[in-house]
Protein backbone atom coordinates (compact mmCIF):
# COMPACT_ATOMS: atom_id res chain seq x y z
CA MET A 1 14.95 -78.01 20.39
CA SER A 2 11.52 -78.19 22.04
CA THR A 3 11.37 -74.40 22.26
CA GLU A 4 12.12 -74.08 18.56
CA LEU A 5 9.37 -76.57 17.71
CA PHE A 6 6.76 -74.26 19.20
CA SER A 7 8.27 -70.93 18.18
CA LEU A 8 6.34 -68.73 15.76
CA LYS A 9 9.06 -66.12 15.29
CA GLY A 10 9.10 -64.83 11.74
CA LYS A 11 5.55 -66.08 11.09
CA VAL A 12 2.54 -63.98 10.14
CA ALA A 13 -0.72 -65.19 11.70
CA LEU A 14 -4.15 -63.95 10.61
CA VAL A 15 -6.92 -64.48 13.19
CA THR A 16 -10.47 -63.59 12.18
CA GLY A 17 -12.93 -62.28 14.76
CA ALA A 18 -10.05 -61.47 17.10
CA THR A 19 -11.22 -58.17 18.56
CA HIS A 20 -12.50 -59.81 21.76
CA GLY A 21 -13.29 -63.06 23.56
CA LEU A 22 -11.82 -66.40 22.62
CA GLY A 23 -10.44 -65.07 19.34
CA MET A 24 -8.41 -62.49 21.20
CA ALA A 25 -7.16 -65.08 23.70
CA MET A 26 -5.94 -67.38 20.91
CA ALA A 27 -4.36 -64.49 19.04
CA MET A 28 -2.57 -63.40 22.21
CA GLY A 29 -1.11 -66.90 22.48
CA LEU A 30 0.20 -66.75 18.92
CA GLY A 31 1.68 -63.33 19.52
CA LYS A 32 3.40 -64.44 22.73
CA ALA A 33 4.93 -67.32 20.76
CA GLY A 34 6.53 -64.76 18.45
CA ALA A 35 4.07 -64.40 15.57
CA THR A 36 3.30 -61.08 13.93
CA LEU A 37 -0.46 -60.79 14.34
CA VAL A 38 -3.02 -59.69 11.81
CA ILE A 39 -6.48 -59.43 13.30
CA ASN A 40 -9.79 -59.08 11.52
CA GLY A 41 -12.99 -57.47 12.68
CA HIS A 42 -16.28 -56.80 10.93
CA SER A 43 -18.48 -54.58 13.11
CA SER A 44 -16.42 -51.38 13.37
CA GLN A 45 -12.96 -49.86 12.94
CA GLU A 46 -13.22 -48.60 16.52
CA LYS A 47 -13.32 -52.17 17.86
CA VAL A 48 -10.37 -53.16 15.70
CA ASP A 49 -8.36 -50.17 16.93
CA ALA A 50 -9.23 -50.87 20.58
CA ALA A 51 -8.13 -54.50 20.20
CA LEU A 52 -4.87 -53.44 18.55
CA ALA A 53 -4.14 -51.24 21.56
CA ASP A 54 -4.57 -54.28 23.84
CA TYR A 55 -2.23 -56.42 21.76
CA ARG A 56 0.41 -53.73 21.56
CA ALA A 57 0.15 -53.11 25.30
CA ALA A 58 1.06 -56.79 25.72
CA GLY A 59 4.19 -56.23 23.63
CA ILE A 60 2.80 -57.96 20.54
CA THR A 61 3.28 -56.68 17.00
CA ALA A 62 -0.23 -56.49 15.56
CA HIS A 63 -2.06 -55.11 12.54
CA GLY A 64 -5.81 -54.80 12.05
CA TYR A 65 -8.09 -55.01 9.01
CA LEU A 66 -11.83 -54.45 8.74
CA PHE A 67 -13.63 -56.77 6.30
CA ASP A 68 -16.41 -59.35 6.02
CA VAL A 69 -15.15 -62.94 5.83
CA THR A 70 -18.32 -64.02 4.00
CA ASP A 71 -17.72 -61.63 1.10
CA GLU A 72 -15.48 -63.27 -1.50
CA GLN A 73 -14.37 -59.99 -3.05
CA GLN A 74 -13.53 -58.49 0.34
CA THR A 75 -11.52 -61.49 1.49
CA GLU A 76 -9.52 -61.64 -1.73
CA ALA A 77 -8.76 -57.92 -1.54
CA ALA A 78 -7.92 -58.11 2.18
CA VAL A 79 -5.52 -61.04 1.77
CA ALA A 80 -3.75 -59.29 -1.10
CA LYS A 81 -3.43 -56.10 0.99
CA ILE A 82 -2.22 -57.95 4.10
CA GLU A 83 0.46 -59.84 2.18
CA SER A 84 1.58 -56.62 0.51
CA GLU A 85 1.70 -54.55 3.71
CA VAL A 86 2.65 -57.13 6.38
CA GLY A 87 3.96 -60.22 4.62
CA PRO A 88 2.90 -63.69 3.48
CA ILE A 89 0.34 -65.32 5.75
CA ASP A 90 1.76 -68.46 7.37
CA VAL A 91 -1.07 -69.21 9.80
CA LEU A 92 -4.81 -68.66 9.41
CA VAL A 93 -7.19 -69.06 12.34
CA ASN A 94 -10.83 -69.05 11.21
CA ASN A 95 -12.52 -67.86 14.39
CA ALA A 96 -15.19 -65.43 13.15
CA GLY A 97 -18.67 -66.78 13.83
CA ILE A 98 -22.14 -66.16 15.18
CA ILE A 99 -24.80 -68.14 17.03
CA ARG A 100 -28.58 -67.67 17.02
CA ARG A 101 -30.45 -69.41 19.83
CA THR A 102 -33.75 -70.05 18.07
CA PRO A 103 -35.66 -73.36 18.01
CA LEU A 104 -35.73 -74.79 14.50
CA LEU A 105 -39.52 -74.60 14.16
CA GLU A 106 -39.37 -70.90 15.00
CA MET A 107 -36.32 -70.04 12.90
CA GLU A 108 -36.77 -68.03 9.72
CA LEU A 109 -34.85 -69.11 6.63
CA ALA A 110 -32.94 -65.82 6.55
CA GLU A 111 -31.68 -66.41 10.10
CA TRP A 112 -30.65 -69.99 9.25
CA GLU A 113 -28.79 -68.83 6.15
CA GLN A 114 -26.99 -66.08 8.09
CA VAL A 115 -25.54 -68.60 10.54
CA ILE A 116 -24.52 -71.08 7.84
CA LYS A 117 -23.00 -68.32 5.71
CA THR A 118 -20.94 -66.92 8.57
CA ASP A 119 -19.87 -70.07 10.40
CA LEU A 120 -19.35 -72.43 7.45
CA THR A 121 -19.28 -70.66 4.09
CA GLY A 122 -17.22 -67.84 5.59
CA VAL A 123 -14.44 -70.31 6.38
CA PHE A 124 -14.37 -71.36 2.73
CA THR A 125 -14.31 -67.80 1.37
CA MET A 126 -11.63 -66.76 3.89
CA THR A 127 -9.39 -69.80 3.50
CA LYS A 128 -9.37 -70.10 -0.28
CA PRO A 129 -7.30 -66.97 -1.09
CA VAL A 130 -4.91 -67.63 1.81
CA VAL A 131 -4.16 -71.24 0.92
CA ALA A 132 -3.98 -70.49 -2.82
CA ARG A 133 -1.01 -68.24 -2.03
CA MET A 134 0.55 -70.80 0.32
CA VAL A 135 0.41 -73.36 -2.47
CA GLU A 136 1.77 -70.91 -5.04
CA ARG A 137 4.73 -70.04 -2.81
CA GLY A 138 5.40 -73.70 -2.06
CA THR A 139 6.18 -72.91 1.57
CA GLY A 140 3.21 -74.66 3.18
CA GLY A 141 1.25 -73.26 6.08
CA LYS A 142 -1.27 -73.84 8.85
CA VAL A 143 -5.04 -73.44 8.95
CA ILE A 144 -6.94 -73.73 12.23
CA ASN A 145 -10.74 -73.80 12.06
CA ILE A 146 -12.60 -73.04 15.27
CA CYS A 147 -15.18 -75.76 15.60
CA SER A 148 -17.31 -76.49 18.68
CA MET A 149 -18.64 -79.25 20.89
CA MET A 150 -21.66 -78.76 18.64
CA SER A 151 -19.51 -80.30 15.90
CA GLU A 152 -20.27 -83.55 17.76
CA LEU A 153 -23.42 -82.96 19.81
CA GLY A 154 -26.84 -81.44 19.35
CA ARG A 155 -28.51 -79.11 21.81
CA SER A 156 -31.91 -77.47 21.96
CA SER A 157 -32.26 -74.14 20.11
CA VAL A 158 -28.86 -74.13 18.37
CA GLY A 159 -29.70 -76.24 15.32
CA ALA A 160 -28.26 -73.86 12.73
CA TYR A 161 -25.05 -73.40 14.70
CA ALA A 162 -24.66 -77.16 15.20
CA ALA A 163 -25.28 -77.79 11.50
CA ALA A 164 -22.61 -75.22 10.58
CA LYS A 165 -20.06 -76.49 13.10
CA GLY A 166 -20.71 -80.11 12.14
CA GLY A 167 -20.15 -79.12 8.54
CA LEU A 168 -17.00 -77.27 9.54
CA LYS A 169 -15.57 -80.45 11.06
CA MET A 170 -15.97 -82.22 7.73
CA LEU A 171 -14.75 -79.21 5.74
CA THR A 172 -11.63 -79.26 7.92
CA ARG A 173 -11.02 -82.91 7.08
CA ASN A 174 -11.55 -82.33 3.37
CA MET A 175 -9.25 -79.32 3.34
CA ALA A 176 -6.64 -81.46 5.10
CA THR A 177 -7.07 -84.23 2.55
CA GLU A 178 -6.67 -81.95 -0.48
CA TRP A 179 -3.84 -79.77 0.80
CA ALA A 180 -1.57 -82.16 2.72
CA LYS A 181 0.47 -82.72 -0.43
CA HIS A 182 1.23 -79.00 -0.43
CA ASN A 183 2.50 -79.13 3.18
CA VAL A 184 -0.56 -77.24 4.41
CA GLN A 185 -1.89 -78.69 7.65
CA VAL A 186 -5.55 -78.04 8.46
CA ASN A 187 -6.93 -78.80 11.91
CA GLY A 188 -9.67 -77.60 14.20
CA ILE A 189 -10.15 -76.60 17.81
CA GLY A 190 -13.44 -77.30 19.58
CA PRO A 191 -13.83 -75.14 22.69
CA GLY A 192 -16.02 -76.25 25.57
CA TYR A 193 -17.72 -73.83 27.95
CA PHE A 194 -15.54 -70.80 28.61
CA ALA A 195 -15.64 -67.85 30.96
CA THR A 196 -16.17 -64.89 28.62
CA SER A 197 -18.16 -61.67 28.72
CA GLN A 198 -20.98 -63.52 26.94
CA THR A 199 -21.26 -66.15 29.65
CA GLU A 200 -20.70 -63.78 32.59
CA PRO A 201 -24.44 -63.33 33.36
CA ILE A 202 -24.92 -67.06 34.01
CA ARG A 203 -21.60 -67.70 35.80
CA VAL A 204 -23.05 -66.95 39.22
CA ASP A 205 -23.85 -69.20 42.17
CA GLY A 206 -27.42 -70.44 42.03
CA ASN A 207 -27.80 -70.14 38.27
CA PRO A 208 -28.98 -73.56 37.00
CA MET A 209 -26.86 -73.37 33.84
CA ASN A 210 -23.75 -72.47 35.84
CA GLU A 211 -24.27 -75.40 38.17
CA PHE A 212 -25.05 -77.73 35.26
CA ILE A 213 -21.87 -76.87 33.37
CA ILE A 214 -19.60 -77.15 36.39
CA SER A 215 -21.17 -80.43 37.46
CA ARG A 216 -21.03 -81.99 34.00
CA THR A 217 -17.46 -80.93 33.28
CA PRO A 218 -15.00 -83.49 34.71
CA ALA A 219 -12.49 -80.67 35.31
CA GLY A 220 -15.14 -79.07 37.53
CA ARG A 221 -14.88 -75.54 36.18
CA TRP A 222 -15.44 -73.20 33.27
CA GLY A 223 -12.56 -72.89 30.85
CA ASP A 224 -10.28 -69.87 31.06
CA PRO A 225 -9.83 -68.32 27.59
CA ASP A 226 -6.07 -68.69 28.04
CA ASP A 227 -6.61 -72.47 28.17
CA LEU A 228 -6.96 -72.32 24.38
CA GLN A 229 -3.52 -70.85 23.79
CA GLY A 230 -1.55 -74.07 24.06
CA ALA A 231 -3.60 -75.94 21.47
CA THR A 232 -3.53 -72.94 19.15
CA VAL A 233 0.24 -72.54 19.32
CA PHE A 234 0.75 -76.28 18.86
CA LEU A 235 -1.40 -76.41 15.73
CA ALA A 236 0.25 -73.25 14.35
CA SER A 237 3.83 -74.42 14.92
CA ASN A 238 6.26 -76.95 13.49
CA ALA A 239 5.37 -79.24 16.38
CA SER A 240 2.25 -80.26 14.43
CA ASN A 241 3.82 -80.74 11.00
CA PHE A 242 2.48 -84.30 10.69
CA VAL A 243 -0.90 -83.54 12.29
CA THR A 244 -3.72 -82.73 9.90
CA GLY A 245 -7.46 -83.29 9.66
CA GLN A 246 -7.88 -83.45 13.45
CA ILE A 247 -10.21 -81.62 15.83
CA VAL A 248 -8.73 -80.91 19.26
CA TYR A 249 -11.50 -80.48 21.84
CA VAL A 250 -10.49 -78.19 24.68
CA ASP A 251 -13.49 -78.85 26.91
CA GLY A 252 -12.36 -80.04 30.34
CA GLY A 253 -13.45 -83.57 29.47
CA ILE A 254 -17.14 -83.05 28.63
CA LEU A 255 -17.06 -85.05 25.40
CA ALA A 256 -15.11 -87.85 27.05
CA THR A 257 -17.89 -88.87 29.39
CA ILE A 258 -21.52 -89.90 29.59
CA GLY A 259 -23.51 -89.86 32.79
CA ARG A 260 -21.70 -88.87 35.98
CA PRO A 261 -18.36 -87.18 35.28
CA ALA A 262 -15.15 -88.13 37.03
CA ASN A 263 -15.30 -85.35 39.63
CA GLU A 264 -18.62 -86.56 41.07
CA GLN A 265 -18.62 -89.01 43.98
């Protein structure tokens, strides 16, 4: 019974921004749980194709589509094409996003608007056509929005990102409130600090940021991207059918503490 609760066999899962990094790790988890994957990329078809090769090498059935999640016409057309070619979308993971590390007083309006459009408005434009079809079919579904610790905390030079991710937390709760009656559960995942290609340059002994993160994380380490798979599968499966409007922070305990974390003596 417990295995069936977490099984995604027969489900179609669309994961945006899943050509690399944390998006790929979460998508891999869904695929290993039995879902047919649909991945989205925006930068190039070559990256989409390379990612598909990785999924298929892992024994996962995967399809790839190139489109911009912030473009309402593109998302509507892409969802229609996916459901025609692959099948109805049962799970949507809104992972696509960007960050610009610019102090607010130095940030141009265009840069601010780019972050908000991608990280917040893009979730709206991507989710609307997917959930509209879930509601029309009457079969329900799952939406997982990838939030951040910056949904709860501020940090120097990431004001636009924090504003978008804070807004995404509340958008998640409002989506959950409006769509629960249609058996659509909407939740979020807030990753902590993870070992990815982006963080590789600072994950070396002697780097102040590396030492700061390890020392301030009660678990005493960077997250492994695979650490996100359990939460993703849970929120995508029947095991979470009465869970909606929640943000699950996968952060090694950072948000649970103030001052000296538990691993310090």
